[in-house]
Amino acid sequence: MEMKRIYITVIGTVQGVGFRHHTRQEAQRLGLVGFVKNRPDGGVECCIEGDEIAVEGFVAWCKLGPTLAAVESVEVEPQRYRQEFQRFEIR
């Protein structure tokens, strides 16, 4: 099982719609660790680490987001896996 780390930027109507809360739930469901936080420009950013298949599933989920979100774009930047996180948190 290959472990991965990615940095994700989600743009659209993603603040004020429970995006971070639902992101944490999805990450925990998939066994991923990292963080999610709001950006000053109205987007959301995440850094996640975990199993490659779970990471891919998380990216697919981010493209949809929770019911009230309207995701316009998702940028994914692969990074070097560092085992930096112990859990997934909202920042």
C-alpha atoms as a PDB file:
ATOM      1  CA  MET A   1       0.000   0.000   0.000  1.00  0.00           C
ATOM      2  CA  GLU A   2       1.551   3.269  -1.141  1.00  0.00           C
ATOM      3  CA  MET A   3       1.187   6.268   1.158  1.00  0.00           C
ATOM      4  CA  LYS A   4       0.630   9.714  -0.346  1.00  0.00           C
ATOM      5  CA  ARG A   5       0.431  13.348   0.655  1.00  0.00           C
ATOM      6  CA  ILE A   6      -1.385  15.997  -1.338  1.00  0.00           C
ATOM      7  CA  TYR A   7      -2.316  19.634  -0.962  1.00  0.00           C
ATOM      8  CA  ILE A   8      -5.780  20.545  -2.268  1.00  0.00           C
ATOM      9  CA  THR A   9      -7.310  23.929  -3.028  1.00  0.00           C
ATOM     10  CA  VAL A  10     -11.084  24.008  -3.502  1.00  0.00           C
ATOM     11  CA  ILE A  11     -12.680  27.088  -5.097  1.00  0.00           C
ATOM     12  CA  GLY A  12     -16.386  27.932  -5.257  1.00  0.00           C
ATOM     13  CA  THR A  13     -19.144  28.354  -2.693  1.00  0.00           C
ATOM     14  CA  VAL A  14     -17.291  26.408  -0.017  1.00  0.00           C
ATOM     15  CA  GLN A  15     -17.373  28.705   3.014  1.00  0.00           C
ATOM     16  CA  GLY A  16     -20.451  29.004   5.187  1.00  0.00           C
ATOM     17  CA  VAL A  17     -21.888  25.702   3.918  1.00  0.00           C
ATOM     18  CA  GLY A  18     -20.291  23.218   6.351  1.00  0.00           C
ATOM     19  CA  PHE A  19     -17.536  22.264   3.920  1.00  0.00           C
ATOM     20  CA  ARG A  20     -14.791  21.967   6.554  1.00  0.00           C
ATOM     21  CA  HIS A  21     -16.968  19.913   8.913  1.00  0.00           C
ATOM     22  CA  HIS A  22     -17.980  17.508   6.138  1.00  0.00           C
ATOM     23  CA  THR A  23     -14.385  17.374   4.880  1.00  0.00           C
ATOM     24  CA  ARG A  24     -13.219  16.215   8.308  1.00  0.00           C
ATOM     25  CA  GLN A  25     -15.965  13.565   8.417  1.00  0.00           C
ATOM     26  CA  GLU A  26     -14.976  12.252   4.975  1.00  0.00           C
ATOM     27  CA  ALA A  27     -11.255  12.236   5.814  1.00  0.00           C
ATOM     28  CA  GLN A  28     -11.913  10.346   9.049  1.00  0.00           C
ATOM     29  CA  ARG A  29     -14.183   7.874   7.225  1.00  0.00           C
ATOM     30  CA  LEU A  30     -11.354   7.191   4.763  1.00  0.00           C
ATOM     31  CA  GLY A  31      -8.681   6.957   7.479  1.00  0.00           C
ATOM     32  CA  LEU A  32      -6.811  10.065   6.334  1.00  0.00           C
ATOM     33  CA  VAL A  33      -4.922  12.581   8.455  1.00  0.00           C
ATOM     34  CA  GLY A  34      -4.152  16.257   7.879  1.00  0.00           C
ATOM     35  CA  PHE A  35      -6.100  19.494   8.024  1.00  0.00           C
ATOM     36  CA  VAL A  36      -8.651  21.704   6.311  1.00  0.00           C
ATOM     37  CA  LYS A  37      -8.934  25.476   6.632  1.00  0.00           C
ATOM     38  CA  ASN A  38     -10.644  28.453   5.040  1.00  0.00           C
ATOM     39  CA  ARG A  39      -8.661  30.720   2.745  1.00  0.00           C
ATOM     40  CA  PRO A  40      -8.962  34.526   2.704  1.00  0.00           C
ATOM     41  CA  ASP A  41     -10.084  34.377  -0.956  1.00  0.00           C
ATOM     42  CA  GLY A  42     -13.224  32.361  -0.066  1.00  0.00           C
ATOM     43  CA  GLY A  43     -11.781  28.955  -0.963  1.00  0.00           C
ATOM     44  CA  VAL A  44     -10.771  26.054   1.241  1.00  0.00           C
ATOM     45  CA  GLU A  45      -7.398  24.310   1.453  1.00  0.00           C
ATOM     46  CA  CYS A  46      -6.565  20.831   2.716  1.00  0.00           C
ATOM     47  CA  CYS A  47      -3.401  18.886   3.272  1.00  0.00           C
ATOM     48  CA  ILE A  48      -3.935  15.149   3.613  1.00  0.00           C
ATOM     49  CA  GLU A  49      -1.837  12.046   4.063  1.00  0.00           C
ATOM     50  CA  GLY A  50      -2.803   8.416   3.785  1.00  0.00           C
ATOM     51  CA  ASP A  51      -3.295   5.391   1.602  1.00  0.00           C
ATOM     52  CA  GLU A  52      -3.227   6.166  -2.129  1.00  0.00           C
ATOM     53  CA  ILE A  53      -6.716   4.740  -2.778  1.00  0.00           C
ATOM     54  CA  ALA A  54      -8.217   6.687   0.132  1.00  0.00           C
ATOM     55  CA  VAL A  55      -6.521   9.883  -1.082  1.00  0.00           C
ATOM     56  CA  GLU A  56      -8.022   9.391  -4.554  1.00  0.00           C
ATOM     57  CA  GLY A  57     -11.457   8.867  -3.006  1.00  0.00           C
ATOM     58  CA  PHE A  58     -11.041  12.046  -0.969  1.00  0.00           C
ATOM     59  CA  VAL A  59     -10.157  14.081  -4.070  1.00  0.00           C
ATOM     60  CA  ALA A  60     -13.261  12.724  -5.828  1.00  0.00           C
ATOM     61  CA  TRP A  61     -15.384  13.738  -2.828  1.00  0.00           C
ATOM     62  CA  CYS A  62     -13.862  17.253  -2.806  1.00  0.00           C
ATOM     63  CA  LYS A  63     -15.013  17.745  -6.404  1.00  0.00           C
ATOM     64  CA  LEU A  64     -18.605  17.373  -5.184  1.00  0.00           C
ATOM     65  CA  GLY A  65     -18.439  18.569  -1.578  1.00  0.00           C
ATOM     66  CA  PRO A  66     -21.427  18.618   0.774  1.00  0.00           C
ATOM     67  CA  THR A  67     -24.972  19.325  -0.441  1.00  0.00           C
ATOM     68  CA  LEU A  68     -24.905  23.119   0.010  1.00  0.00           C
ATOM     69  CA  ALA A  69     -21.488  23.615  -1.608  1.00  0.00           C
ATOM     70  CA  ALA A  70     -20.963  24.622  -5.232  1.00  0.00           C
ATOM     71  CA  VAL A  71     -17.438  23.501  -6.148  1.00  0.00           C
ATOM     72  CA  GLU A  72     -16.020  25.319  -9.171  1.00  0.00           C
ATOM     73  CA  SER A  73     -12.512  23.856  -9.204  1.00  0.00           C
ATOM     74  CA  VAL A  74     -10.189  21.556  -7.289  1.00  0.00           C
ATOM     75  CA  GLU A  75      -6.429  21.895  -7.615  1.00  0.00           C
ATOM     76  CA  VAL A  76      -4.292  18.982  -6.421  1.00  0.00           C
ATOM     77  CA  GLU A  77      -0.582  19.329  -5.710  1.00  0.00           C
ATOM     78  CA  PRO A  78       1.306  16.129  -4.864  1.00  0.00           C
ATOM     79  CA  GLN A  79       3.831  16.506  -2.051  1.00  0.00           C
ATOM     80  CA  ARG A  80       6.431  14.297  -0.407  1.00  0.00           C
ATOM     81  CA  TYR A  81       4.865  11.990   2.196  1.00  0.00           C
ATOM     82  CA  ARG A  82       6.104  13.067   5.653  1.00  0.00           C
ATOM     83  CA  GLN A  83       3.930  11.350   8.275  1.00  0.00           C
ATOM     84  CA  GLU A  84       3.408  14.813   9.739  1.00  0.00           C
ATOM     85  CA  PHE A  85      -0.115  14.425  11.145  1.00  0.00           C
ATOM     86  CA  GLN A  86      -1.692  12.268  13.854  1.00  0.00           C
ATOM     87  CA  ARG A  87      -5.326  13.083  13.029  1.00  0.00           C
ATOM     88  CA  PHE A  88      -7.484  15.210  10.741  1.00  0.00           C
ATOM     89  CA  GLU A  89      -8.353  18.636  12.087  1.00  0.00           C
ATOM     90  CA  ILE A  90     -10.168  21.823  11.174  1.00  0.00           C
ATOM     91  CA  ARG A  91      -7.895  24.848  11.449  1.00  0.00           C
END
